[in-house]
Amino acid sequence: MPSFTEQLRDSAGDQWYRVINHKFTIELANGSINKEVLKKYLIQDYRFLDAFVILLASTIAKCRCLEDRIQGCQFLGLITGKENTYFERSFEVLGCSNIEERMKIPNETVTTEFVQLMKTTANEGTLGEMLSVLVVAEWSYLSWGEKVLDKTNREGDFTTWEWVGEFIH
């Protein structure tokens, strides 16, 4: 019997399939992605980070006990440490380390809407709602990352392969 989250994923059907089989994920893994496309994506994704940290910290705070909080705390450390450093190093390599320069690129609609969803859920949501938003965000990354991990070209610069390989396990 599939878990509740697996049932939700399966109910997304074609949308879920498109997320984890997108041209972007394949090109990212094999290192052929256009650097301007990667740059734009990473800028948008980095804008999620603050709202994601707020949501994850709020989720940790709502857990009933320390034992339930520990994995979230460890994940929060990864997100604000190693993953944040990946963004900073990538921005340097991609020529957009200056915050003012990155701010010239406007948010995509999905960025604005997802940031708002995370902040609203962090402030007003139940623990279950918070976990739902976190699962959707992270499970999509995990799913496409696992799908392309064995196809990852580690010969190119770290901005492509590290995004797939380092954060999947």
C-alpha atoms as a PDB file:
ATOM      1  CA  MET A   1       0.000   0.000   0.000  1.00  0.00           C
ATOM      2  CA  PRO A   2       1.546   3.342  -1.044  1.00  0.00           C
ATOM      3  CA  SER A   3       2.125   5.952   1.655  1.00  0.00           C
ATOM      4  CA  PHE A   4      -0.040   9.055   1.793  1.00  0.00           C
ATOM      5  CA  THR A   5       2.699  11.180   0.219  1.00  0.00           C
ATOM      6  CA  GLU A   6       3.199   8.615  -2.546  1.00  0.00           C
ATOM      7  CA  GLN A   7      -0.535   8.734  -3.249  1.00  0.00           C
ATOM      8  CA  LEU A   8      -0.372  12.530  -3.486  1.00  0.00           C
ATOM      9  CA  ARG A   9       2.609  12.322  -5.841  1.00  0.00           C
ATOM     10  CA  ASP A  10       0.828   9.763  -8.006  1.00  0.00           C
ATOM     11  CA  SER A  11      -2.284  11.952  -8.145  1.00  0.00           C
ATOM     12  CA  ALA A  12      -0.181  14.742  -9.688  1.00  0.00           C
ATOM     13  CA  GLY A  13       0.310  12.406 -12.675  1.00  0.00           C
ATOM     14  CA  ASP A  14       1.688  14.126 -15.740  1.00  0.00           C
ATOM     15  CA  GLN A  15       2.684  17.265 -13.840  1.00  0.00           C
ATOM     16  CA  TRP A  16       5.014  15.241 -11.616  1.00  0.00           C
ATOM     17  CA  TYR A  17       6.422  13.400 -14.632  1.00  0.00           C
ATOM     18  CA  ARG A  18       7.174  16.708 -16.387  1.00  0.00           C
ATOM     19  CA  VAL A  19       8.929  18.087 -13.292  1.00  0.00           C
ATOM     20  CA  ILE A  20      11.361  15.199 -12.935  1.00  0.00           C
ATOM     21  CA  ASN A  21      11.908  14.639 -16.669  1.00  0.00           C
ATOM     22  CA  HIS A  22      12.390  18.235 -17.734  1.00  0.00           C
ATOM     23  CA  LYS A  23      15.036  19.168 -20.308  1.00  0.00           C
ATOM     24  CA  PHE A  24      16.637  21.371 -17.642  1.00  0.00           C
ATOM     25  CA  THR A  25      17.339  18.450 -15.316  1.00  0.00           C
ATOM     26  CA  ILE A  26      18.841  16.324 -18.066  1.00  0.00           C
ATOM     27  CA  GLU A  27      21.090  19.140 -19.326  1.00  0.00           C
ATOM     28  CA  LEU A  28      22.098  20.061 -15.785  1.00  0.00           C
ATOM     29  CA  ALA A  29      23.165  16.494 -15.098  1.00  0.00           C
ATOM     30  CA  ASN A  30      25.127  15.982 -18.288  1.00  0.00           C
ATOM     31  CA  GLY A  31      26.754  19.419 -18.078  1.00  0.00           C
ATOM     32  CA  SER A  32      25.382  20.729 -21.367  1.00  0.00           C
ATOM     33  CA  ILE A  33      23.093  23.366 -19.851  1.00  0.00           C
ATOM     34  CA  ASN A  34      23.516  26.881 -21.191  1.00  0.00           C
ATOM     35  CA  LYS A  35      25.308  28.903 -18.496  1.00  0.00           C
ATOM     36  CA  GLU A  36      22.870  31.810 -18.868  1.00  0.00           C
ATOM     37  CA  VAL A  37      19.953  29.430 -18.253  1.00  0.00           C
ATOM     38  CA  LEU A  38      21.727  28.018 -15.204  1.00  0.00           C
ATOM     39  CA  LYS A  39      22.535  31.504 -13.932  1.00  0.00           C
ATOM     40  CA  LYS A  40      18.901  32.614 -14.222  1.00  0.00           C
ATOM     41  CA  TYR A  41      17.697  29.416 -12.553  1.00  0.00           C
ATOM     42  CA  LEU A  42      20.133  29.666  -9.654  1.00  0.00           C
ATOM     43  CA  ILE A  43      19.196  33.307  -9.044  1.00  0.00           C
ATOM     44  CA  GLN A  44      15.514  32.344  -8.918  1.00  0.00           C
ATOM     45  CA  ASP A  45      16.209  29.299  -6.738  1.00  0.00           C
ATOM     46  CA  TYR A  46      18.344  31.307  -4.334  1.00  0.00           C
ATOM     47  CA  ARG A  47      15.404  33.645  -3.803  1.00  0.00           C
ATOM     48  CA  PHE A  48      13.491  30.689  -2.404  1.00  0.00           C
ATOM     49  CA  LEU A  49      16.186  30.081   0.178  1.00  0.00           C
ATOM     50  CA  ASP A  50      15.207  32.730   2.741  1.00  0.00           C
ATOM     51  CA  ALA A  51      11.524  31.767   2.674  1.00  0.00           C
ATOM     52  CA  PHE A  52      12.481  28.094   2.762  1.00  0.00           C
ATOM     53  CA  VAL A  53      14.641  28.651   5.850  1.00  0.00           C
ATOM     54  CA  ILE A  54      11.764  30.508   7.525  1.00  0.00           C
ATOM     55  CA  LEU A  55       9.369  27.672   6.702  1.00  0.00           C
ATOM     56  CA  LEU A  56      11.762  24.940   7.820  1.00  0.00           C
ATOM     57  CA  ALA A  57      12.566  26.753  11.077  1.00  0.00           C
ATOM     58  CA  SER A  58       8.837  27.265  11.736  1.00  0.00           C
ATOM     59  CA  THR A  59       8.236  23.573  11.061  1.00  0.00           C
ATOM     60  CA  ILE A  60      10.983  22.627  13.499  1.00  0.00           C
ATOM     61  CA  ALA A  61       9.454  24.913  16.122  1.00  0.00           C
ATOM     62  CA  LYS A  62       6.028  23.284  15.701  1.00  0.00           C
ATOM     63  CA  CYS A  63       7.331  19.740  16.185  1.00  0.00           C
ATOM     64  CA  ARG A  64       6.220  18.172  19.458  1.00  0.00           C
ATOM     65  CA  CYS A  65       9.632  17.181  20.834  1.00  0.00           C
ATOM     66  CA  LEU A  66      13.384  17.301  20.323  1.00  0.00           C
ATOM     67  CA  GLU A  67      13.469  13.860  18.743  1.00  0.00           C
ATOM     68  CA  ASP A  68      11.087  15.094  16.024  1.00  0.00           C
ATOM     69  CA  ARG A  69      13.138  18.292  15.524  1.00  0.00           C
ATOM     70  CA  ILE A  70      16.593  16.776  15.060  1.00  0.00           C
ATOM     71  CA  GLN A  71      16.380  15.817  11.357  1.00  0.00           C
ATOM     72  CA  GLY A  72      14.894  19.197  10.503  1.00  0.00           C
ATOM     73  CA  CYS A  73      17.695  20.929  12.395  1.00  0.00           C
ATOM     74  CA  GLN A  74      20.313  18.906  10.547  1.00  0.00           C
ATOM     75  CA  PHE A  75      18.667  19.727   7.233  1.00  0.00           C
ATOM     76  CA  LEU A  76      18.520  23.414   8.184  1.00  0.00           C
ATOM     77  CA  GLY A  77      22.273  23.273   8.811  1.00  0.00           C
ATOM     78  CA  LEU A  78      22.858  21.778   5.352  1.00  0.00           C
ATOM     79  CA  ILE A  79      20.676  24.375   3.633  1.00  0.00           C
ATOM     80  CA  THR A  80      22.277  27.340   5.398  1.00  0.00           C
ATOM     81  CA  GLY A  81      25.786  25.902   5.159  1.00  0.00           C
ATOM     82  CA  LYS A  82      26.960  23.714   2.307  1.00  0.00           C
ATOM     83  CA  GLU A  83      24.073  24.505  -0.057  1.00  0.00           C
ATOM     84  CA  ASN A  84      24.297  28.243   0.552  1.00  0.00           C
ATOM     85  CA  THR A  85      28.040  28.083  -0.121  1.00  0.00           C
ATOM     86  CA  TYR A  86      27.315  26.281  -3.407  1.00  0.00           C
ATOM     87  CA  PHE A  87      25.166  29.236  -4.503  1.00  0.00           C
ATOM     88  CA  GLU A  88      27.829  31.769  -3.530  1.00  0.00           C
ATOM     89  CA  ARG A  89      30.589  29.882  -5.385  1.00  0.00           C
ATOM     90  CA  SER A  90      28.345  29.391  -8.422  1.00  0.00           C
ATOM     91  CA  PHE A  91      27.430  33.062  -8.578  1.00  0.00           C
ATOM     92  CA  GLU A  92      31.143  33.885  -8.577  1.00  0.00           C
ATOM     93  CA  VAL A  93      31.859  31.477 -11.474  1.00  0.00           C
ATOM     94  CA  LEU A  94      28.778  32.614 -13.413  1.00  0.00           C
ATOM     95  CA  GLY A  95      29.721  36.295 -13.028  1.00  0.00           C
ATOM     96  CA  CYS A  96      26.824  37.391 -10.853  1.00  0.00           C
ATOM     97  CA  SER A  97      28.229  37.501  -7.321  1.00  0.00           C
ATOM     98  CA  ASN A  98      27.071  41.086  -6.844  1.00  0.00           C
ATOM     99  CA  ILE A  99      23.636  41.157  -5.163  1.00  0.00           C
ATOM    100  CA  GLU A 100      22.636  44.371  -6.944  1.00  0.00           C
ATOM    101  CA  GLU A 101      23.376  42.723 -10.301  1.00  0.00           C
ATOM    102  CA  ARG A 102      21.236  39.694  -9.413  1.00  0.00           C
ATOM    103  CA  MET A 103      18.394  41.951  -8.279  1.00  0.00           C
ATOM    104  CA  LYS A 104      18.162  43.347 -11.833  1.00  0.00           C
ATOM    105  CA  ILE A 105      16.733  39.999 -12.916  1.00  0.00           C
ATOM    106  CA  PRO A 106      13.030  40.037 -12.010  1.00  0.00           C
ATOM    107  CA  ASN A 107      11.283  37.191 -10.247  1.00  0.00           C
ATOM    108  CA  GLU A 108       9.467  34.683 -12.352  1.00  0.00           C
ATOM    109  CA  THR A 109       5.798  34.466 -11.358  1.00  0.00           C
ATOM    110  CA  VAL A 110       6.349  31.010  -9.890  1.00  0.00           C
ATOM    111  CA  THR A 111       9.182  32.367  -7.711  1.00  0.00           C
ATOM    112  CA  THR A 112       7.010  35.124  -6.267  1.00  0.00           C
ATOM    113  CA  GLU A 113       4.073  32.776  -5.704  1.00  0.00           C
ATOM    114  CA  PHE A 114       6.114  29.994  -4.101  1.00  0.00           C
ATOM    115  CA  VAL A 115       7.981  32.402  -1.809  1.00  0.00           C
ATOM    116  CA  GLN A 116       4.624  33.808  -0.717  1.00  0.00           C
ATOM    117  CA  LEU A 117       3.229  30.306  -0.151  1.00  0.00           C
ATOM    118  CA  MET A 118       6.205  29.360   2.026  1.00  0.00           C
ATOM    119  CA  LYS A 119       6.006  32.565   4.102  1.00  0.00           C
ATOM    120  CA  THR A 120       2.233  32.345   4.552  1.00  0.00           C
ATOM    121  CA  THR A 121       2.433  28.682   5.498  1.00  0.00           C
ATOM    122  CA  ALA A 122       5.258  29.404   7.966  1.00  0.00           C
ATOM    123  CA  ASN A 123       3.196  32.134   9.643  1.00  0.00           C
ATOM    124  CA  GLU A 124      -0.291  30.675   9.509  1.00  0.00           C
ATOM    125  CA  GLY A 125      -0.038  26.990   8.642  1.00  0.00           C
ATOM    126  CA  THR A 126      -0.420  23.879  10.699  1.00  0.00           C
ATOM    127  CA  LEU A 127       2.476  21.463  11.067  1.00  0.00           C
ATOM    128  CA  GLY A 128       0.855  19.243   8.428  1.00  0.00           C
ATOM    129  CA  GLU A 129       0.560  22.126   5.963  1.00  0.00           C
ATOM    130  CA  MET A 130       4.169  23.126   6.571  1.00  0.00           C
ATOM    131  CA  LEU A 131       5.360  19.584   5.987  1.00  0.00           C
ATOM    132  CA  SER A 132       3.294  19.374   2.793  1.00  0.00           C
ATOM    133  CA  VAL A 133       4.976  22.422   1.283  1.00  0.00           C
ATOM    134  CA  LEU A 134       8.425  21.161   2.317  1.00  0.00           C
ATOM    135  CA  VAL A 135       7.759  17.709   0.866  1.00  0.00           C
ATOM    136  CA  VAL A 136       6.660  19.082  -2.502  1.00  0.00           C
ATOM    137  CA  ALA A 137       9.705  21.344  -2.725  1.00  0.00           C
ATOM    138  CA  GLU A 138      12.283  18.801  -1.665  1.00  0.00           C
ATOM    139  CA  TRP A 139      10.781  15.635  -3.104  1.00  0.00           C
ATOM    140  CA  SER A 140      10.801  17.101  -6.595  1.00  0.00           C
ATOM    141  CA  TYR A 141      14.536  17.871  -6.263  1.00  0.00           C
ATOM    142  CA  LEU A 142      15.224  14.438  -4.835  1.00  0.00           C
ATOM    143  CA  SER A 143      13.206  12.670  -7.535  1.00  0.00           C
ATOM    144  CA  TRP A 144      14.848  14.303 -10.528  1.00  0.00           C
ATOM    145  CA  GLY A 145      18.243  14.201  -8.860  1.00  0.00           C
ATOM    146  CA  GLU A 146      18.025  10.471  -8.255  1.00  0.00           C
ATOM    147  CA  LYS A 147      16.811   9.984 -11.818  1.00  0.00           C
ATOM    148  CA  VAL A 148      19.854  11.686 -13.357  1.00  0.00           C
ATOM    149  CA  LEU A 149      22.524  10.976 -10.724  1.00  0.00           C
ATOM    150  CA  ASP A 150      24.096   8.092 -12.652  1.00  0.00           C
ATOM    151  CA  LYS A 151      24.179  10.255 -15.804  1.00  0.00           C
ATOM    152  CA  THR A 152      25.928  13.166 -14.092  1.00  0.00           C
ATOM    153  CA  ASN A 153      28.999  14.410 -15.946  1.00  0.00           C
ATOM    154  CA  ARG A 154      31.588  15.214 -13.285  1.00  0.00           C
ATOM    155  CA  GLU A 155      34.131  16.385 -15.857  1.00  0.00           C
ATOM    156  CA  GLY A 156      32.579  19.842 -16.218  1.00  0.00           C
ATOM    157  CA  ASP A 157      32.670  22.647 -13.715  1.00  0.00           C
ATOM    158  CA  PHE A 158      31.063  22.098 -10.320  1.00  0.00           C
ATOM    159  CA  THR A 159      28.061  24.355 -11.024  1.00  0.00           C
ATOM    160  CA  THR A 160      26.295  21.526 -12.825  1.00  0.00           C
ATOM    161  CA  TRP A 161      27.359  18.226 -11.269  1.00  0.00           C
ATOM    162  CA  GLU A 162      27.573  19.425  -7.686  1.00  0.00           C
ATOM    163  CA  TRP A 163      23.988  20.642  -7.721  1.00  0.00           C
ATOM    164  CA  VAL A 164      22.872  17.131  -8.601  1.00  0.00           C
ATOM    165  CA  GLY A 165      25.393  14.955  -6.796  1.00  0.00           C
ATOM    166  CA  GLU A 166      26.141  16.720  -3.533  1.00  0.00           C
ATOM    167  CA  PHE A 167      22.622  17.408  -2.342  1.00  0.00           C
ATOM    168  CA  ILE A 168      20.871  14.197  -3.319  1.00  0.00           C
ATOM    169  CA  HIS A 169      22.476  12.013  -0.672  1.00  0.00           C
END
